[in-house]
Amino acid sequence: MLELPSEGDRNAVFAFAMSFNGYEHYGSFEASSDAARSMRRDTLEDIRNELFFAVRASRHRDDDAFLDTSRELLPLLRALGEAPNW
């Protein structure tokens, strides 16, 4: 079971998102980007990649928009049974 960060804890959400490397999982920046934009959300890897990519984009823009994405993905992570609460 994954240990998820507390909702709104910027540093913990960032660290959790970066513990999954979408570039490596999907084989390239482009493939990770395509998967994140598709918002498939069928698997844990889909969801983690979407969060990973949101963090990378926020880092590039120097903002915290990834926290909105993390809040949106919370119910999906719970539904997959990865954590009782975030």
C-alpha atoms as a PDB file:
ATOM      1  CA  MET A   1       0.000   0.000   0.000  1.00  0.00           C
ATOM      2  CA  LEU A   2       1.274   3.432  -0.898  1.00  0.00           C
ATOM      3  CA  GLU A   3       1.539   5.974   1.841  1.00  0.00           C
ATOM      4  CA  LEU A   4      -0.047   9.120   0.502  1.00  0.00           C
ATOM      5  CA  PRO A   5       0.729  12.643   1.712  1.00  0.00           C
ATOM      6  CA  SER A   6      -1.709  14.867   3.546  1.00  0.00           C
ATOM      7  CA  GLU A   7      -3.967  16.903   1.288  1.00  0.00           C
ATOM      8  CA  GLY A   8      -2.578  20.369   0.737  1.00  0.00           C
ATOM      9  CA  ASP A   9       0.876  19.523   2.108  1.00  0.00           C
ATOM     10  CA  ARG A  10       2.799  20.987  -0.816  1.00  0.00           C
ATOM     11  CA  ASN A  11       6.134  19.388  -0.015  1.00  0.00           C
ATOM     12  CA  ALA A  12       4.671  15.960   0.714  1.00  0.00           C
ATOM     13  CA  VAL A  13       2.508  15.978  -2.433  1.00  0.00           C
ATOM     14  CA  PHE A  14       5.520  17.071  -4.475  1.00  0.00           C
ATOM     15  CA  ALA A  15       7.696  14.289  -3.027  1.00  0.00           C
ATOM     16  CA  PHE A  16       4.979  11.678  -3.597  1.00  0.00           C
ATOM     17  CA  ALA A  17       4.460  12.778  -7.199  1.00  0.00           C
ATOM     18  CA  MET A  18       8.175  12.698  -7.905  1.00  0.00           C
ATOM     19  CA  SER A  19       8.490   9.170  -6.492  1.00  0.00           C
ATOM     20  CA  PHE A  20       6.997   7.989  -9.806  1.00  0.00           C
ATOM     21  CA  ASN A  21       8.918   8.786 -12.982  1.00  0.00           C
ATOM     22  CA  GLY A  22       6.478   8.943 -15.866  1.00  0.00           C
ATOM     23  CA  TYR A  23       9.269   9.456 -18.381  1.00  0.00           C
ATOM     24  CA  GLU A  24      10.823   6.131 -17.407  1.00  0.00           C
ATOM     25  CA  HIS A  25       7.508   4.296 -17.078  1.00  0.00           C
ATOM     26  CA  TYR A  26       6.196   5.374 -20.481  1.00  0.00           C
ATOM     27  CA  GLY A  27       9.589   5.487 -22.173  1.00  0.00           C
ATOM     28  CA  SER A  28       9.802   9.162 -23.093  1.00  0.00           C
ATOM     29  CA  PHE A  29       8.691  12.690 -22.279  1.00  0.00           C
ATOM     30  CA  GLU A  30       6.249  12.609 -25.196  1.00  0.00           C
ATOM     31  CA  ALA A  31       4.637   9.317 -24.172  1.00  0.00           C
ATOM     32  CA  SER A  32       4.298  10.460 -20.550  1.00  0.00           C
ATOM     33  CA  SER A  33       2.812  13.755 -21.703  1.00  0.00           C
ATOM     34  CA  ASP A  34       0.330  12.029 -24.016  1.00  0.00           C
ATOM     35  CA  ALA A  35      -0.739   9.655 -21.234  1.00  0.00           C
ATOM     36  CA  ALA A  36      -1.177  12.502 -18.740  1.00  0.00           C
ATOM     37  CA  ARG A  37      -3.209  14.608 -21.168  1.00  0.00           C
ATOM     38  CA  SER A  38      -5.437  11.654 -22.048  1.00  0.00           C
ATOM     39  CA  MET A  39      -6.601  11.504 -18.408  1.00  0.00           C
ATOM     40  CA  ARG A  40      -7.304   7.769 -18.768  1.00  0.00           C
ATOM     41  CA  ARG A  41      -7.170   7.216 -15.006  1.00  0.00           C
ATOM     42  CA  ASP A  42      -7.788   3.469 -15.293  1.00  0.00           C
ATOM     43  CA  THR A  43      -4.703   2.347 -13.413  1.00  0.00           C
ATOM     44  CA  LEU A  44      -2.553   3.499 -10.549  1.00  0.00           C
ATOM     45  CA  GLU A  45       0.203   4.227 -13.080  1.00  0.00           C
ATOM     46  CA  ASP A  46      -2.143   6.426 -15.138  1.00  0.00           C
ATOM     47  CA  ILE A  47      -3.059   8.478 -12.085  1.00  0.00           C
ATOM     48  CA  ARG A  48       0.473   8.703 -10.728  1.00  0.00           C
ATOM     49  CA  ASN A  49       1.741   9.792 -14.144  1.00  0.00           C
ATOM     50  CA  GLU A  50      -0.896  12.511 -14.366  1.00  0.00           C
ATOM     51  CA  LEU A  51       0.179  13.828 -10.970  1.00  0.00           C
ATOM     52  CA  PHE A  52       3.869  13.497 -11.901  1.00  0.00           C
ATOM     53  CA  PHE A  53       3.296  15.489 -15.063  1.00  0.00           C
ATOM     54  CA  ALA A  54       1.262  18.144 -13.216  1.00  0.00           C
ATOM     55  CA  VAL A  55       4.133  18.581 -10.746  1.00  0.00           C
ATOM     56  CA  ARG A  56       6.675  18.844 -13.553  1.00  0.00           C
ATOM     57  CA  ALA A  57       4.531  21.476 -15.301  1.00  0.00           C
ATOM     58  CA  SER A  58       4.069  23.431 -12.068  1.00  0.00           C
ATOM     59  CA  ARG A  59       7.778  23.296 -11.435  1.00  0.00           C
ATOM     60  CA  HIS A  60       8.400  24.693 -14.918  1.00  0.00           C
ATOM     61  CA  ARG A  61       5.855  27.490 -14.387  1.00  0.00           C
ATOM     62  CA  ASP A  62       6.957  28.056 -10.777  1.00  0.00           C
ATOM     63  CA  ASP A  63       3.434  27.684  -9.365  1.00  0.00           C
ATOM     64  CA  ASP A  64       1.432  25.326  -7.152  1.00  0.00           C
ATOM     65  CA  ALA A  65      -1.283  24.361  -9.641  1.00  0.00           C
ATOM     66  CA  PHE A  66      -0.365  20.704  -9.104  1.00  0.00           C
ATOM     67  CA  LEU A  67      -2.153  20.879  -5.737  1.00  0.00           C
ATOM     68  CA  ASP A  68      -5.464  21.292  -7.592  1.00  0.00           C
ATOM     69  CA  THR A  69      -4.657  18.209  -9.640  1.00  0.00           C
ATOM     70  CA  SER A  70      -3.772  16.266  -6.496  1.00  0.00           C
ATOM     71  CA  ARG A  71      -7.168  17.144  -4.971  1.00  0.00           C
ATOM     72  CA  GLU A  72      -8.919  15.972  -8.126  1.00  0.00           C
ATOM     73  CA  LEU A  73      -7.042  12.683  -8.129  1.00  0.00           C
ATOM     74  CA  LEU A  74      -7.683  11.901  -4.457  1.00  0.00           C
ATOM     75  CA  PRO A  75     -11.001  10.078  -4.957  1.00  0.00           C
ATOM     76  CA  LEU A  76      -9.453   8.008  -7.734  1.00  0.00           C
ATOM     77  CA  LEU A  77      -6.517   6.946  -5.588  1.00  0.00           C
ATOM     78  CA  ARG A  78      -8.926   5.983  -2.822  1.00  0.00           C
ATOM     79  CA  ALA A  79     -11.098   4.052  -5.271  1.00  0.00           C
ATOM     80  CA  LEU A  80      -8.080   2.024  -6.301  1.00  0.00           C
ATOM     81  CA  GLY A  81      -7.623   1.167  -2.647  1.00  0.00           C
ATOM     82  CA  GLU A  82      -4.176   2.688  -2.315  1.00  0.00           C
ATOM     83  CA  ALA A  83      -4.892   4.627   0.864  1.00  0.00           C
ATOM     84  CA  PRO A  84      -7.688   5.115   3.388  1.00  0.00           C
ATOM     85  CA  ASN A  85      -7.190   8.877   3.435  1.00  0.00           C
ATOM     86  CA  TRP A  86      -4.968  11.577   2.001  1.00  0.00           C
END
